[in-house]
Structures are given as C-alpha cells and as structure tokens.
Amino acid sequence: MPEAGRLTPTAVAALLRRRWTSGHRDWLDGGGAWPLAVLLKPPTERETAADPTGVRAWVEAWLQAQRDAAGPGAELVWTERQWPGLGRQRLPERLVLAGPADLAAWIGEAGPWARAQGRAGSIRAGLGLPGLALGRHFDWLASCPEPELKRLLAAVHWLAQHPDSGLYLRQLPIAGMDTKWLAANRARVTDLLRQVRGAEGDLQALSGLRREPDLLRLRLLDPGLRRSLGGLSDLTAPVAELAGLGLAPARVLLVENLQTGLALPDLPGTVALMARGYAVEVYAALPWLRGRPCHYWGDLDTHGFAILSRLRQHLPQARSLLMDTETLLAHRELWVQEERPETGLLLGLTDEEQQVYAGLRDHRWGPG
C-alpha cells in the first residue's frame, strides 16, 4: 500500500539535505530561522486501518531514528490520537531541530559543521571581528589542515598591520607563506582584508603590497627609429618607461596577436604594440600616441570588435584593419568556432563594423 502523505526518516533526511545544501553557508554566519520543525504528516485512522503493517513499520522506523539521533537539540515530538475503531495510538508528529548543528548531525554532516564552525570562531576571535562573514569559505574551513588556518590568520594579521609595506608578495616575512600559497588563497585573504578594513579593492590596494610593473611589448619597424634607441627593435618594458621614450612615429599598429606583430616587416615611421587583449587602457599612458594615426588589427570575431570598441574610449582616432565583411568571407577555410562570443552592445564601432559584429553575434554566417 502507498504511504499516503506520511514522511519517512529517509524522506526527511533528503529534505534536510536539500536545506543543508542551500543554507549551510548562511547558517555559519548566523542566518536561518531556528528551531526548524518538519511535519511528519502522521496517518489518519482510515489510512492506518487500510495499512496497519505499513504504519507500524513507519512508527518503528521513527523510533529507530530517534535512538540514532545525535545531539540534545533534535527532538522527535509525538502525538496521541484516540480513534473510535483503533483506540489510543501514539504517533510521531514532527521533528524539531534546535539549530544547524542538530540538522548537520541528522544527515551525517556533524564533523564538517563542527570543524567549520570552530575554525570560523577562531578566525573571528583572532581578528577581533565577531561579525566576520565566513560562510562563503565553509568548504575550506571544514576540510583544510590546521596549519593552513594558522597561516591564513598570520597572513591577514600581518597585511592588516602593515598597510604601507611596499613589498612584493615574495618579500613578505610571514612564516610558511609563499607565492604559491598566496596564489591559491588570494581570494580568501582579499575577502578577509576587505572586511577587516571595511573597504573594497584588490589585494594590493588593500594591503599596500607593491604591484609588479605592467609590461608592454613594442616593435620598432622603422630603421631610423631603431637607430635612435641604439639599434633595438623589440622591447618589453614597464609602461611608465616606454611612456618616457619620446617617440614620434608617423603611425602606430596595435596588433592583438603576438606572433602577427613579430612577423611584421619593416615599415617607415611605424611602431607596433602587441598582445594587450582587453587591457587597452594602458595606451592612454603613452603620450607619444596621442593624435598619432593608429590602426588596430585584432581577431575577426566578436571579442576583437569588443576590444576595438573599448580601445576607442582611449584612442578615438583608432581605425581597424582587415576587420570587415569582405575579409571575413574571403577566408572561410580559416574560420574556427567562437565558443563564448561577446553579445553585448558595443558603442565604439563604425556602422560597417557594427554590421560585421552583429552578423557574427547573430550567427548570420553560421553558428559561432
């Protein structure tokens, strides 16, 4: 016979597992409505009379679940029914869980909950912030080795107390911390520093650590320009240093693909800047680019046009090269599929470029 609406321990465990999955991170930060009561929907007299064996098994299953329950905060509440045909019956009515620890114990997650909660308490106490939000780090807190916790606290402590150190990451005098560890835990350290400081920003902005210089690669395609720099033709240097070169090129090529830029032949009065991707705002830091004729040669795909649109916010005079319908359709044999195309509105394109971008975005010539 079917069990009508009554909930078995297995069904309740599945329900609580769903609650755990969606809520345990919030609970670690004090969220959730407690106590939590789960109605077990005990059978009616009619249902019991129709399936006495099934109801008896259901009651015994809850008796066993009650015996197996861990923690004093899990209570199985019973009710008594006086039925004309079956007499007095004692049935489980609802399961009441006082807090997250009791729910965790009911579904076999007591260990992870206890570890995460204990370690969250240690971090809050160690940083003197009882309201520190740590739910997003629940999985790490529940599983990390104890030395990792100490290392995290040491890192956040030191960075919070030395906001203007001006050191590189590799110079930090923190026991057990290296660049690989910080790379793996950068998001966690940054999140805690944001909360400690009550401010937004990336790790360097929050900690006062020194940034590695932004390097830019430049090719001098004109022999005369090369002579002015001692014969150098291919330079990779910090942007600030390249900004001070005082070049006066007749034109500038901004080439997205590095190897394309390296393969460029000599061109009178020309310099080429290569492989910046979306980080084109750096070009605004080069005073010798202002007002110079600039041409952008990027990938003939939606992201190439997105980069071009962004570039024109900094170099409005930039013109595109080989990024038109004619070039696209003349090279079908070289087409590849774009897995994650750009789909947004691009305001920095000419009418012709907009037509090509829209065709690529809307799959005019085929999917992707």
Protein backbone atom coordinates (compact mmCIF):
# COMPACT_ATOMS: atom_id res chain seq x y z
CA MET A 1 0.00 0.00 0.00
CA PRO A 2 1.24 3.54 -0.60
CA GLU A 3 2.37 5.53 2.43
CA ALA A 4 -0.13 8.33 1.76
CA GLY A 5 1.38 11.64 2.91
CA ARG A 6 3.46 10.42 5.87
CA LEU A 7 7.16 11.21 5.74
CA THR A 8 9.72 8.50 6.45
CA PRO A 9 13.09 9.19 8.09
CA THR A 10 14.67 8.70 4.67
CA ALA A 11 12.39 11.30 3.08
CA VAL A 12 13.03 13.77 5.90
CA ALA A 13 16.78 13.22 5.61
CA ALA A 14 16.54 14.05 1.89
CA LEU A 15 14.57 17.19 2.70
CA LEU A 16 17.12 18.22 5.32
CA ARG A 17 19.94 17.51 2.89
CA ARG A 18 18.40 20.00 0.47
CA ARG A 19 18.10 22.54 3.28
CA TRP A 20 21.76 21.93 4.15
CA THR A 21 22.93 22.34 0.58
CA SER A 22 21.18 25.67 0.12
CA GLY A 23 21.66 27.07 3.61
CA HIS A 24 24.73 25.86 5.50
CA ARG A 25 26.97 28.73 4.36
CA ASP A 26 24.41 31.26 5.53
CA TRP A 27 23.99 29.38 8.84
CA LEU A 28 27.72 29.71 9.52
CA ASP A 29 27.19 33.48 9.53
CA GLY A 30 24.23 33.24 11.90
CA GLY A 31 21.47 33.01 9.31
CA GLY A 32 18.48 30.72 9.20
CA ALA A 33 15.26 30.50 11.21
CA TRP A 34 15.60 28.23 14.21
CA PRO A 35 14.29 26.00 15.59
CA LEU A 36 13.28 24.17 12.42
CA ALA A 37 10.17 21.97 12.60
CA VAL A 38 9.46 19.30 9.98
CA LEU A 39 5.88 17.98 9.99
CA LEU A 40 5.85 14.21 9.51
CA LYS A 41 2.22 14.03 8.35
CA PRO A 42 1.12 11.09 10.51
CA PRO A 43 -1.62 8.87 9.04
CA THR A 44 -5.32 9.23 9.67
CA GLU A 45 -7.42 6.47 11.24
CA ARG A 46 -8.63 5.47 7.81
CA GLU A 47 -5.09 5.23 6.42
CA THR A 48 -3.95 3.25 9.45
CA ALA A 49 -6.84 0.80 9.17
CA ALA A 50 -6.10 0.30 5.49
CA ASP A 51 -2.37 -0.34 6.03
CA PRO A 52 -1.66 -1.33 9.65
CA THR A 53 1.58 -3.13 8.77
CA GLY A 54 2.95 -0.16 6.86
CA VAL A 55 2.03 2.29 9.61
CA ARG A 56 3.63 0.04 12.24
CA ALA A 57 6.83 -0.11 10.17
CA TRP A 58 6.74 3.67 9.78
CA VAL A 59 6.45 4.19 13.55
CA GLU A 60 9.26 1.72 14.23
CA ALA A 61 11.47 3.48 11.68
CA TRP A 62 10.99 6.74 13.59
CA LEU A 63 11.66 5.03 16.89
CA GLN A 64 14.96 3.80 15.49
CA ALA A 65 15.75 7.25 14.06
CA GLN A 66 15.10 8.74 17.50
CA ARG A 67 17.50 6.26 19.09
CA ASP A 68 20.13 7.07 16.47
CA ALA A 69 19.72 10.85 16.71
CA ALA A 70 22.84 12.72 17.80
CA GLY A 71 22.75 15.87 19.88
CA PRO A 72 20.33 17.11 22.51
CA GLY A 73 18.78 19.67 20.17
CA ALA A 74 17.00 17.16 17.95
CA GLU A 75 13.56 16.31 19.32
CA LEU A 76 11.02 13.90 17.89
CA VAL A 77 7.61 15.14 19.04
CA TRP A 78 4.87 12.52 19.41
CA THR A 79 1.12 12.91 19.44
CA GLU A 80 -1.62 10.71 20.82
CA ARG A 81 -4.78 10.00 18.85
CA GLN A 82 -7.96 8.45 20.25
CA TRP A 83 -9.70 6.73 17.36
CA PRO A 84 -13.14 5.05 17.68
CA GLY A 85 -12.13 1.96 15.75
CA LEU A 86 -8.47 1.59 16.69
CA GLY A 87 -8.31 3.05 20.19
CA ARG A 88 -5.43 5.14 21.53
CA GLN A 89 -2.44 5.46 19.17
CA ARG A 90 0.90 7.21 19.73
CA LEU A 91 2.40 8.56 16.52
CA PRO A 92 5.44 10.73 15.63
CA GLU A 93 4.15 14.14 14.60
CA ARG A 94 7.13 16.39 13.91
CA LEU A 95 10.90 16.58 14.08
CA VAL A 96 12.23 19.73 15.75
CA LEU A 97 15.86 20.74 15.26
CA ALA A 98 17.16 23.45 17.58
CA GLY A 99 19.96 24.66 15.34
CA PRO A 100 22.31 23.94 12.42
CA ALA A 101 24.43 21.51 14.46
CA ASP A 102 21.38 19.29 15.05
CA LEU A 103 20.42 19.33 11.38
CA ALA A 104 24.01 18.53 10.43
CA ALA A 105 24.08 15.61 12.86
CA TRP A 106 20.80 14.23 11.48
CA ILE A 107 22.25 13.98 7.96
CA GLY A 108 25.78 12.90 8.85
CA GLU A 109 27.45 16.30 8.48
CA ALA A 110 28.26 16.83 12.16
CA GLY A 111 32.02 16.67 11.61
CA PRO A 112 32.22 19.24 8.77
CA TRP A 113 29.85 21.58 10.61
CA ALA A 114 31.79 21.38 13.87
CA ARG A 115 35.12 21.97 12.13
CA ALA A 116 33.85 24.88 10.04
CA GLN A 117 32.10 26.48 13.00
CA GLY A 118 35.08 26.06 15.30
CA ARG A 119 37.54 27.46 12.79
CA ALA A 120 35.24 30.34 11.91
CA GLY A 121 35.14 31.16 15.62
CA SER A 122 38.94 31.07 15.77
CA ILE A 123 39.28 33.46 12.85
CA ARG A 124 36.69 35.86 14.25
CA ALA A 125 38.36 35.84 17.65
CA GLY A 126 41.83 36.12 16.14
CA LEU A 127 40.88 39.15 14.07
CA GLY A 128 38.65 40.68 16.73
CA LEU A 129 35.63 40.73 14.42
CA PRO A 130 32.76 38.63 15.79
CA GLY A 131 30.58 39.53 12.83
CA LEU A 132 33.08 38.41 10.18
CA ALA A 133 31.24 36.77 7.26
CA LEU A 134 32.86 33.41 6.56
CA GLY A 135 30.05 31.32 5.11
CA ARG A 136 31.44 31.52 1.57
CA HIS A 137 34.58 29.77 2.86
CA PHE A 138 32.69 26.92 4.53
CA ASP A 139 34.16 24.09 2.45
CA TRP A 140 37.71 25.30 3.06
CA LEU A 141 37.10 25.74 6.78
CA ALA A 142 35.62 22.25 7.05
CA SER A 143 38.47 20.50 5.26
CA CYS A 144 41.72 22.49 5.49
CA PRO A 145 44.62 21.18 7.60
CA GLU A 146 45.09 23.07 10.86
CA PRO A 147 48.42 24.66 9.78
CA GLU A 148 46.56 26.28 6.87
CA LEU A 149 44.24 28.05 9.28
CA LYS A 150 47.20 29.43 11.25
CA ARG A 151 48.86 30.52 8.03
CA LEU A 152 45.73 32.36 6.89
CA LEU A 153 45.42 34.20 10.21
CA ALA A 154 49.11 35.12 10.16
CA ALA A 155 48.86 36.48 6.62
CA VAL A 156 45.78 38.59 7.26
CA HIS A 157 47.21 39.86 10.58
CA TRP A 158 50.49 40.95 9.02
CA LEU A 159 48.91 42.57 5.97
CA ALA A 160 46.36 44.41 8.10
CA GLN A 161 49.09 45.75 10.41
CA HIS A 162 51.46 46.81 7.60
CA PRO A 163 49.23 48.65 5.11
CA ASP A 164 52.12 50.57 3.51
CA SER A 165 54.89 47.98 3.37
CA GLY A 166 55.57 48.48 -0.35
CA LEU A 167 56.85 44.90 -0.55
CA TYR A 168 56.36 42.37 -3.30
CA LEU A 169 54.45 39.23 -2.35
CA ARG A 170 57.63 37.20 -2.37
CA GLN A 171 59.22 39.53 0.18
CA LEU A 172 56.59 39.04 2.88
CA PRO A 173 58.20 37.91 6.17
CA ILE A 174 55.38 35.53 7.11
CA ALA A 175 56.36 32.05 8.25
CA GLY A 176 55.19 29.31 5.92
CA MET A 177 53.74 31.64 3.31
CA ASP A 178 54.98 31.61 -0.26
CA THR A 179 53.69 32.91 -3.56
CA LYS A 180 52.09 29.58 -4.47
CA TRP A 181 50.14 29.51 -1.21
CA LEU A 182 49.01 33.07 -1.67
CA ALA A 183 48.01 32.41 -5.28
CA ALA A 184 45.80 29.54 -4.11
CA ASN A 185 44.31 31.61 -1.26
CA ARG A 186 44.32 35.09 -2.78
CA ALA A 187 40.51 35.37 -2.91
CA ARG A 188 40.20 34.27 0.73
CA VAL A 189 42.88 36.66 2.00
CA THR A 190 41.42 39.51 -0.05
CA ASP A 191 37.90 38.86 1.26
CA LEU A 192 39.06 38.92 4.88
CA LEU A 193 41.11 42.08 4.33
CA ARG A 194 38.09 43.80 2.80
CA GLN A 195 36.10 43.03 5.92
CA VAL A 196 38.93 43.98 8.29
CA ARG A 197 39.43 47.33 6.53
CA GLY A 198 35.78 47.94 5.66
CA ALA A 199 36.85 48.86 2.14
CA GLU A 200 36.77 47.47 -1.39
CA GLY A 201 39.73 46.82 -3.65
CA ASP A 202 42.07 44.09 -4.79
CA LEU A 203 44.79 42.53 -2.66
CA GLN A 204 47.45 45.11 -3.50
CA ALA A 205 45.13 48.06 -2.87
CA LEU A 206 44.01 46.67 0.48
CA SER A 207 47.41 45.55 1.73
CA GLY A 208 49.78 48.17 0.34
CA LEU A 209 51.78 45.47 -1.44
CA ARG A 210 53.80 46.51 -4.43
CA ARG A 211 52.45 45.63 -7.85
CA GLU A 212 54.59 44.07 -10.48
CA PRO A 213 55.16 46.60 -13.27
CA ASP A 214 52.80 46.39 -16.21
CA LEU A 215 54.94 45.35 -19.15
CA LEU A 216 54.23 46.30 -22.73
CA ARG A 217 55.85 44.86 -25.84
CA LEU A 218 56.90 47.23 -28.59
CA ARG A 219 58.49 46.71 -32.01
CA LEU A 220 60.21 49.49 -33.92
CA LEU A 221 59.55 48.77 -37.59
CA ASP A 222 61.43 51.82 -38.88
CA PRO A 223 65.26 51.61 -39.14
CA GLY A 224 65.58 55.29 -38.21
CA LEU A 225 63.56 54.80 -35.02
CA ARG A 226 65.73 51.82 -34.17
CA ARG A 227 68.89 53.86 -34.53
CA SER A 228 67.52 56.43 -32.08
CA LEU A 229 67.36 53.62 -29.48
CA GLY A 230 70.76 52.12 -30.10
CA GLY A 231 69.53 49.66 -32.70
CA LEU A 232 66.93 47.96 -30.51
CA SER A 233 63.95 46.64 -32.45
CA ASP A 234 61.92 44.59 -29.94
CA LEU A 235 61.35 46.00 -26.46
CA THR A 236 59.45 44.72 -23.45
CA ALA A 237 59.46 47.26 -20.64
CA PRO A 238 57.26 48.81 -17.95
CA VAL A 239 54.62 51.09 -19.40
CA ALA A 240 55.95 54.07 -17.45
CA GLU A 241 59.39 53.64 -19.03
CA LEU A 242 58.02 53.29 -22.55
CA ALA A 243 55.94 56.42 -21.96
CA GLY A 244 59.16 58.36 -21.46
CA LEU A 245 60.82 57.34 -24.73
CA GLY A 246 59.62 60.46 -26.53
CA LEU A 247 58.98 58.63 -29.79
CA ALA A 248 57.39 60.45 -32.71
CA PRO A 249 56.13 57.69 -35.02
CA ALA A 250 54.25 58.51 -38.19
CA ARG A 251 51.78 55.72 -37.42
CA VAL A 252 51.13 53.04 -34.81
CA LEU A 253 49.92 49.49 -35.32
CA LEU A 254 48.09 47.90 -32.38
CA VAL A 255 48.21 44.18 -33.04
CA GLU A 256 46.27 41.72 -30.94
CA ASN A 257 48.20 38.57 -31.82
CA LEU A 258 51.81 38.47 -30.65
CA GLN A 259 53.15 36.34 -33.49
CA THR A 260 51.40 38.54 -36.03
CA GLY A 261 53.20 41.50 -34.54
CA LEU A 262 56.53 39.70 -34.54
CA ALA A 263 56.11 38.82 -38.22
CA LEU A 264 55.52 42.41 -39.36
CA PRO A 265 58.08 43.68 -41.90
CA ASP A 266 59.90 47.00 -41.76
CA LEU A 267 57.52 49.92 -42.29
CA PRO A 268 58.67 53.53 -42.49
CA GLY A 269 57.86 55.62 -39.43
CA THR A 270 55.92 52.79 -37.80
CA VAL A 271 55.90 51.19 -34.36
CA ALA A 272 53.82 48.17 -33.33
CA LEU A 273 52.37 47.45 -29.89
CA MET A 274 51.31 43.86 -29.31
CA ALA A 275 49.10 41.43 -27.41
CA ARG A 276 47.24 43.52 -24.84
CA GLY A 277 43.87 41.78 -25.08
CA TYR A 278 41.17 43.78 -23.31
CA ALA A 279 43.74 45.78 -21.28
CA VAL A 280 43.90 48.56 -23.86
CA GLU A 281 43.53 51.38 -21.34
CA VAL A 282 47.32 51.23 -21.00
CA TYR A 283 47.68 53.03 -24.33
CA ALA A 284 46.34 56.21 -22.73
CA ALA A 285 49.53 56.29 -20.63
CA LEU A 286 51.76 56.74 -23.72
CA PRO A 287 51.83 60.46 -24.54
CA TRP A 288 53.51 59.88 -27.91
CA LEU A 289 50.39 58.02 -29.10
CA ARG A 290 48.08 61.00 -28.71
CA GLY A 291 46.93 62.33 -32.02
CA ARG A 292 49.01 59.82 -33.99
CA PRO A 293 47.36 57.71 -36.71
CA CYS A 294 46.59 54.37 -35.06
CA HIS A 295 45.39 51.16 -36.62
CA TYR A 296 44.03 48.20 -34.68
CA TRP A 297 44.38 44.71 -36.15
CA GLY A 298 42.55 42.26 -33.94
CA ASP A 299 40.90 38.90 -34.26
CA LEU A 300 37.97 38.95 -36.67
CA ASP A 301 35.48 37.73 -34.07
CA THR A 302 33.09 39.27 -31.55
CA HIS A 303 35.80 39.75 -28.94
CA GLY A 304 38.02 41.50 -31.45
CA PHE A 305 35.27 44.05 -32.00
CA ALA A 306 34.66 44.35 -28.25
CA ILE A 307 38.35 45.20 -27.77
CA LEU A 308 38.20 47.71 -30.63
CA SER A 309 35.15 49.37 -29.06
CA ARG A 310 36.96 49.66 -25.73
CA LEU A 311 40.15 50.92 -27.41
CA ARG A 312 38.31 53.87 -28.92
CA GLN A 313 37.47 55.12 -25.43
CA HIS A 314 41.21 55.85 -25.09
CA LEU A 315 42.28 56.35 -28.71
CA PRO A 316 39.23 57.61 -30.58
CA GLN A 317 41.26 58.01 -33.76
CA ALA A 318 42.00 54.27 -34.00
CA ARG A 319 40.95 52.61 -37.25
CA SER A 320 40.55 48.88 -37.81
CA LEU A 321 42.46 46.79 -40.31
CA LEU A 322 41.14 43.65 -42.05
CA MET A 323 38.08 43.53 -39.80
CA ASP A 324 35.38 43.77 -42.47
CA THR A 325 32.86 41.52 -44.20
CA GLU A 326 34.95 41.18 -47.35
CA THR A 327 37.96 39.88 -45.41
CA LEU A 328 35.78 37.53 -43.37
CA LEU A 329 34.03 35.93 -46.33
CA ALA A 330 37.26 35.65 -48.36
CA HIS A 331 38.83 33.38 -45.76
CA ARG A 332 36.16 30.77 -44.98
CA GLU A 333 38.74 28.00 -44.92
CA LEU A 334 40.35 29.65 -41.88
CA TRP A 335 37.18 30.03 -39.82
CA VAL A 336 37.02 28.49 -36.37
CA GLN A 337 34.11 28.36 -33.92
CA GLU A 338 33.96 31.01 -31.18
CA GLU A 339 32.92 29.17 -28.02
CA ARG A 340 31.91 32.13 -25.83
CA PRO A 341 31.08 35.07 -28.10
CA GLU A 342 30.53 38.60 -26.90
CA THR A 343 26.85 39.53 -27.11
CA GLY A 344 26.64 42.99 -25.56
CA LEU A 345 26.01 46.38 -27.09
CA LEU A 346 29.23 47.93 -28.45
CA LEU A 347 29.04 51.68 -28.81
CA GLY A 348 32.52 52.38 -30.16
CA LEU A 349 32.17 50.83 -33.62
CA THR A 350 31.58 52.38 -37.04
CA ASP A 351 28.44 51.46 -38.96
CA GLU A 352 30.33 48.94 -41.10
CA GLU A 353 31.99 47.36 -38.06
CA GLN A 354 28.62 47.17 -36.32
CA GLN A 355 27.24 45.21 -39.27
CA VAL A 356 30.06 42.65 -39.11
CA TYR A 357 29.80 42.38 -35.33
CA ALA A 358 26.02 41.91 -35.49
CA GLY A 359 26.44 39.22 -38.16
CA LEU A 360 28.93 37.30 -36.02
CA ARG A 361 26.88 37.74 -32.86
CA ASP A 362 23.64 36.68 -34.55
CA HIS A 363 25.21 33.70 -36.41
CA ARG A 364 24.47 35.17 -39.83
CA TRP A 365 27.20 33.06 -41.45
CA GLY A 366 26.84 30.01 -39.24
CA PRO A 367 26.85 29.09 -35.53
CA GLY A 368 29.70 30.82 -33.69
